Amino acid sequence: MSLESFMKKQGYKFLYLRRITSGDYSPRDSEWNYSDIPHLNYIHTKVDGYTYFANDDRIVNLFMQRLGPFSVPISNYIEHLENHKHSYVMNILGMVVAVTTSHNKAANGKAETLTEYKFYYRSFIEKIFALIIKNATKKNYKVLMSEDKPMRNQRGFLRNIGITFISDKKDKIGFSETEDLTTKNVDGRSYFKSKKKIKIDLRNKTKNFNIKEWHLTFISFDNKISILGDICQHEGAKLNYDFSSKSKTCLAACPWHGKRVAPLLILNKYHSEDHNFNYLHQEFTAGVHNEVLYIQAI
């Protein structure tokens, strides 16, 4: 028996709400966004979440959802049995809300994410309450999408330049697998395959500079030069680094998940040895010779 049939049997009716977002990214990016557990408390400003249970098919959460001046506890059960759909059942102050989110490809080739809400009620008073929650959901949806869509857009940008994701090979992206922040899911091997060896005269460079085409940043301090990846290898976030001259360290925090990211390689300007490093699953060799930095995909 479906949830709708069960609720109808109990004498419930529902108010319906439909919302669509689209963008230049893959439906897999939308699917990942809805499966990804760790971003919840880093990205979303109106939600604090606690996970009771998660495997690759199901998750049970308690959300503290801010609605206007109030913080409302919401129990939430989600199923993700097929890659194109997430199905929710929520309890908001005693009211049952059923939600289905579908991740589809639109006719124009963009991704289209369709979310359908059903706010269940029996009495006139419950209907008034359902109307209030429905209107609050409309406003909250705008906030959530303003925070989620930049993540999908960043992944869409990477796809458009030829960078892909290891998880694309899976049937679906499960909940629990997203909790491993050590996973390097971004694959740049096809992108870097056509790149030629680069040479950078360090005498003509300022202290900090980047090579946008290679998605690399370089920070020079004392006799050292740090090579930094601009793309988080976990899921593709754009990274910005902070350099501390006091501790002589350079680190970034992933804006999506809070993971600390260190330089890919630190070279001595005056030692001519070549060193290898791995970035986005691509092997590179790098070295400094006569104050010229060389980097090549191998």
Protein backbone atom coordinates (compact mmCIF):
# COMPACT_ATOMS: atom_id res chain seq x y z
CA MET A 1 0.00 0.00 0.00
CA SER A 2 1.35 3.44 -0.94
CA LEU A 3 1.59 6.23 1.61
CA GLU A 4 -1.07 8.21 -0.26
CA SER A 5 -3.48 5.24 -0.12
CA PHE A 6 -2.74 4.73 3.57
CA MET A 7 -3.38 8.39 4.40
CA LYS A 8 -6.57 8.43 2.31
CA LYS A 9 -7.79 5.36 4.21
CA GLN A 10 -7.25 7.32 7.46
CA GLY A 11 -9.45 10.14 6.14
CA TYR A 12 -6.68 12.56 5.06
CA LYS A 13 -6.63 14.96 2.13
CA PHE A 14 -3.61 16.97 1.00
CA LEU A 15 -2.47 20.31 -0.36
CA TYR A 16 -0.10 20.04 -3.32
CA LEU A 17 3.01 22.08 -4.11
CA ARG A 18 5.29 21.68 -7.12
CA ARG A 19 8.73 23.26 -7.56
CA ILE A 20 11.26 22.95 -10.41
CA THR A 21 14.88 24.00 -10.67
CA SER A 22 17.08 23.57 -13.71
CA GLY A 23 20.65 24.31 -14.64
CA ASP A 24 23.64 23.50 -16.81
CA TYR A 25 24.70 20.43 -14.86
CA SER A 26 23.98 16.70 -14.95
CA PRO A 27 21.02 14.97 -13.29
CA ARG A 28 23.73 13.02 -11.44
CA ASP A 29 24.82 16.30 -9.82
CA SER A 30 21.28 16.86 -8.60
CA GLU A 31 21.14 13.27 -7.34
CA TRP A 32 24.47 13.71 -5.54
CA ASN A 33 23.29 16.97 -3.98
CA TYR A 34 20.23 15.26 -2.45
CA SER A 35 22.25 12.22 -1.28
CA ASP A 36 25.18 14.17 0.16
CA ILE A 37 25.02 14.14 3.96
CA PRO A 38 28.09 16.21 5.01
CA HIS A 39 27.14 19.46 3.23
CA LEU A 40 23.94 19.89 5.24
CA ASN A 41 25.46 21.67 8.21
CA TYR A 42 28.10 23.56 6.19
CA ILE A 43 25.99 24.94 3.35
CA HIS A 44 22.46 25.37 4.65
CA THR A 45 21.91 28.37 6.90
CA LYS A 46 18.36 27.51 8.00
CA VAL A 47 18.83 23.81 8.80
CA ASP A 48 20.79 21.87 11.40
CA GLY A 49 20.64 18.13 10.89
CA TYR A 50 21.35 15.05 12.96
CA THR A 51 21.50 11.62 11.29
CA TYR A 52 20.16 8.68 13.28
CA PHE A 53 20.77 6.07 10.58
CA ALA A 54 22.07 5.96 7.02
CA ASN A 55 22.94 3.31 4.45
CA ASP A 56 23.07 3.65 0.69
CA ASP A 57 19.27 3.30 0.29
CA ARG A 58 17.76 5.03 3.32
CA ILE A 59 18.42 7.73 5.88
CA VAL A 60 16.62 8.91 9.02
CA ASN A 61 17.27 12.49 10.16
CA LEU A 62 16.16 15.00 12.72
CA PHE A 63 16.21 18.53 11.28
CA MET A 64 15.97 21.75 13.23
CA GLN A 65 14.38 23.92 10.55
CA ARG A 66 14.21 27.68 10.97
CA LEU A 67 10.86 29.07 9.80
CA GLY A 68 10.84 32.81 10.36
CA PRO A 69 11.71 33.48 14.02
CA PHE A 70 11.04 29.87 15.04
CA SER A 71 13.17 26.72 15.00
CA VAL A 72 10.97 23.69 14.29
CA PRO A 73 11.99 20.02 14.81
CA ILE A 74 11.28 17.86 11.76
CA SER A 75 11.71 14.08 11.66
CA ASN A 76 12.61 12.93 8.18
CA TYR A 77 12.78 9.52 6.48
CA ILE A 78 14.22 9.38 2.95
CA GLU A 79 14.49 6.54 0.45
CA HIS A 80 16.81 6.59 -2.56
CA LEU A 81 16.22 3.32 -4.40
CA GLU A 82 16.68 4.61 -7.96
CA ASN A 83 19.20 7.15 -9.23
CA HIS A 84 16.52 9.49 -10.57
CA LYS A 85 14.40 9.82 -7.41
CA HIS A 86 14.45 10.60 -3.67
CA SER A 87 11.26 10.01 -1.66
CA TYR A 88 10.66 11.62 1.76
CA VAL A 89 8.19 11.36 4.60
CA MET A 90 8.40 14.21 7.12
CA ASN A 91 6.59 14.95 10.34
CA ILE A 92 6.34 18.67 11.07
CA LEU A 93 4.71 19.33 14.45
CA GLY A 94 2.41 16.38 13.93
CA MET A 95 1.63 17.07 10.28
CA VAL A 96 2.69 14.47 7.69
CA VAL A 97 4.39 15.82 4.56
CA ALA A 98 5.29 13.54 1.66
CA VAL A 99 7.93 14.72 -0.81
CA THR A 100 9.24 13.25 -4.05
CA THR A 101 12.24 14.75 -5.85
CA SER A 102 13.02 13.59 -9.39
CA HIS A 103 16.35 14.21 -11.16
CA ASN A 104 15.75 14.41 -14.90
CA LYS A 105 17.30 15.69 -18.11
CA ALA A 106 15.32 18.51 -19.74
CA ALA A 107 14.69 18.83 -23.47
CA ASN A 108 17.36 21.54 -23.76
CA GLY A 109 19.97 19.16 -22.35
CA LYS A 110 20.07 20.80 -18.92
CA ALA A 111 19.17 19.05 -15.70
CA GLU A 112 15.68 19.51 -14.29
CA THR A 113 14.94 18.79 -10.63
CA LEU A 114 11.23 18.39 -9.87
CA THR A 115 10.08 18.39 -6.23
CA GLU A 116 6.46 17.60 -5.34
CA TYR A 117 5.05 18.13 -1.84
CA LYS A 118 1.85 16.79 -0.31
CA PHE A 119 0.74 18.41 2.98
CA TYR A 120 -1.77 16.12 4.67
CA TYR A 121 -4.72 17.31 6.76
CA ARG A 122 -8.15 16.11 7.98
CA SER A 123 -9.87 18.95 9.77
CA PHE A 124 -10.37 22.62 8.90
CA ILE A 125 -7.83 23.65 11.56
CA GLU A 126 -5.28 21.17 10.17
CA LYS A 127 -5.88 22.59 6.69
CA ILE A 128 -5.08 26.11 7.94
CA PHE A 129 -1.89 24.75 9.49
CA ALA A 130 -1.06 22.93 6.21
CA LEU A 131 -1.51 26.22 4.31
CA ILE A 132 0.90 27.97 6.69
CA ILE A 133 3.52 25.24 6.28
CA LYS A 134 3.00 25.21 2.50
CA ASN A 135 3.66 28.96 2.26
CA ALA A 136 6.69 28.65 4.55
CA THR A 137 7.98 25.83 2.34
CA LYS A 138 7.79 28.07 -0.74
CA LYS A 139 10.03 30.64 0.94
CA ASN A 140 12.35 28.03 2.40
CA TYR A 141 12.73 26.33 -0.98
CA LYS A 142 14.16 29.54 -2.46
CA VAL A 143 16.74 29.73 0.31
CA LEU A 144 17.69 26.06 -0.02
CA MET A 145 18.13 26.34 -3.78
CA SER A 146 20.20 29.52 -3.47
CA GLU A 147 22.59 27.44 -1.34
CA ASP A 148 22.44 24.15 -3.27
CA LYS A 149 22.48 25.31 -6.90
CA PRO A 150 26.01 26.83 -6.78
CA MET A 151 27.30 23.37 -5.84
CA ARG A 152 25.58 21.79 -8.83
CA ASN A 153 26.67 24.65 -11.10
CA GLN A 154 30.33 24.18 -10.07
CA ARG A 155 30.12 20.48 -10.92
CA GLY A 156 28.41 21.36 -14.20
CA PHE A 157 31.26 23.76 -15.01
CA LEU A 158 33.78 20.98 -14.41
CA ARG A 159 31.84 18.62 -16.67
CA ASN A 160 31.69 21.22 -19.43
CA ILE A 161 35.49 21.48 -19.53
CA GLY A 162 35.96 17.71 -19.55
CA ILE A 163 36.38 16.86 -15.84
CA THR A 164 34.17 14.01 -14.66
CA PHE A 165 33.30 12.09 -11.48
CA ILE A 166 34.16 8.51 -10.52
CA SER A 167 30.67 8.04 -9.04
CA ASP A 168 29.14 8.45 -12.52
CA LYS A 169 29.99 4.78 -13.07
CA LYS A 170 27.72 3.70 -10.21
CA ASP A 171 24.04 2.89 -10.58
CA LYS A 172 23.20 5.46 -7.91
CA ILE A 173 24.85 7.63 -5.25
CA GLY A 174 24.00 6.27 -1.82
CA PHE A 175 23.73 8.28 1.39
CA SER A 176 26.35 6.57 3.53
CA GLU A 177 29.07 6.63 0.87
CA THR A 178 29.01 10.42 0.88
CA GLU A 179 30.22 10.52 4.48
CA ASP A 180 33.75 9.42 3.53
CA LEU A 181 35.57 12.74 3.00
CA THR A 182 38.78 10.94 1.99
CA THR A 183 37.22 9.78 -1.29
CA LYS A 184 38.72 11.45 -4.38
CA ASN A 185 35.73 11.48 -6.68
CA VAL A 186 36.86 14.10 -9.22
CA ASP A 187 38.57 12.72 -12.34
CA GLY A 188 40.62 15.13 -14.48
CA ARG A 189 42.59 12.62 -16.54
CA SER A 190 40.76 13.35 -19.79
CA TYR A 191 41.06 17.09 -19.20
CA PHE A 192 44.82 17.08 -18.53
CA LYS A 193 45.62 14.58 -21.30
CA SER A 194 45.99 17.34 -23.93
CA LYS A 195 47.90 19.80 -21.73
CA LYS A 196 51.48 20.58 -22.67
CA LYS A 197 54.40 21.02 -20.33
CA ILE A 198 54.37 24.44 -18.68
CA LYS A 199 57.36 26.56 -17.74
CA ILE A 200 57.12 29.41 -15.24
CA ASP A 201 59.99 31.83 -14.71
CA LEU A 202 59.81 32.44 -10.99
CA ARG A 203 61.87 35.62 -11.29
CA ASN A 204 59.03 37.26 -13.22
CA LYS A 205 56.27 36.18 -10.85
CA THR A 206 54.81 37.81 -7.79
CA LYS A 207 54.66 35.97 -4.51
CA ASN A 208 51.34 34.26 -5.29
CA PHE A 209 49.98 33.41 -8.73
CA ASN A 210 47.84 30.82 -10.48
CA ILE A 211 47.54 29.02 -13.80
CA LYS A 212 43.79 28.97 -14.44
CA GLU A 213 43.98 26.49 -17.32
CA TRP A 214 45.63 23.95 -15.02
CA HIS A 215 43.47 24.87 -12.00
CA LEU A 216 46.61 25.30 -9.91
CA THR A 217 47.73 28.03 -7.51
CA PHE A 218 51.35 28.68 -6.49
CA ILE A 219 52.48 30.32 -3.27
CA SER A 220 56.13 31.24 -2.79
CA PHE A 221 57.63 31.79 0.64
CA ASP A 222 61.30 31.83 1.64
CA ASN A 223 62.93 29.13 -0.50
CA LYS A 224 59.77 27.09 -0.90
CA ILE A 225 57.04 27.06 -3.53
CA SER A 226 53.75 25.33 -2.75
CA ILE A 227 51.66 23.84 -5.57
CA LEU A 228 47.97 23.91 -4.68
CA GLY A 229 44.93 22.43 -6.39
CA ASP A 230 42.09 24.90 -7.01
CA ILE A 231 39.54 22.05 -7.18
CA CYS A 232 38.72 19.93 -4.14
CA GLN A 233 39.46 16.36 -5.18
CA HIS A 234 36.61 15.05 -3.02
CA GLU A 235 33.57 16.41 -4.90
CA GLY A 236 34.76 19.41 -6.94
CA ALA A 237 34.36 22.52 -4.77
CA LYS A 238 36.36 25.63 -5.67
CA LEU A 239 39.13 26.10 -3.09
CA ASN A 240 40.70 29.26 -1.68
CA TYR A 241 43.84 29.01 0.43
CA ASP A 242 44.99 30.88 3.51
CA PHE A 243 48.71 31.30 4.06
CA SER A 244 50.13 31.86 7.53
CA SER A 245 53.59 33.43 7.44
CA LYS A 246 53.91 32.79 11.16
CA SER A 247 53.44 29.03 10.97
CA LYS A 248 54.58 28.85 7.32
CA THR A 249 51.56 26.73 6.42
CA CYS A 250 49.09 26.97 3.57
CA LEU A 251 45.72 25.26 3.95
CA ALA A 252 42.19 25.47 2.57
CA ALA A 253 38.89 24.35 4.07
CA CYS A 254 36.45 22.84 1.58
CA PRO A 255 33.44 25.22 1.57
CA TRP A 256 31.05 22.31 1.03
CA HIS A 257 32.21 19.88 3.72
CA GLY A 258 34.83 21.60 5.87
CA LYS A 259 37.64 19.21 4.97
CA ARG A 260 41.14 20.66 5.39
CA VAL A 261 43.18 20.58 2.17
CA ALA A 262 46.99 20.84 2.07
CA PRO A 263 49.32 21.65 -0.87
CA LEU A 264 49.82 18.96 -3.49
CA LEU A 265 53.58 19.45 -3.43
CA ILE A 266 56.13 21.76 -1.83
CA LEU A 267 59.34 22.36 -3.80
CA ASN A 268 62.63 23.98 -2.87
CA LYS A 269 63.43 26.74 -5.37
CA TYR A 270 67.12 25.95 -5.36
CA HIS A 271 67.03 22.14 -5.50
CA SER A 272 66.83 20.75 -9.01
CA GLU A 273 65.25 17.37 -8.22
CA ASP A 274 61.99 16.45 -9.96
CA HIS A 275 59.05 15.20 -7.87
CA ASN A 276 55.74 13.56 -8.72
CA PHE A 277 52.29 14.39 -7.38
CA ASN A 278 48.74 13.26 -8.11
CA TYR A 279 45.90 15.69 -8.74
CA LEU A 280 42.39 14.72 -9.85
CA HIS A 281 43.67 11.18 -10.56
CA GLN A 282 46.29 12.56 -12.98
CA GLU A 283 50.00 12.01 -12.29
CA PHE A 284 52.29 15.04 -12.68
CA THR A 285 56.00 15.68 -12.46
CA ALA A 286 57.34 19.02 -11.26
CA GLY A 287 60.69 20.60 -10.48
CA VAL A 288 62.60 23.89 -10.36
CA HIS A 289 65.69 24.32 -12.56
CA ASN A 290 67.57 27.64 -12.71
CA GLU A 291 64.57 29.40 -11.11
CA VAL A 292 62.20 28.05 -13.77
CA LEU A 293 59.32 25.86 -12.56
CA TYR A 294 58.38 22.96 -14.82
CA ILE A 295 55.13 20.99 -14.57
CA GLN A 296 54.00 18.19 -16.87
CA ALA A 297 51.19 15.63 -16.86
CA ILE A 298 52.64 12.14 -17.22
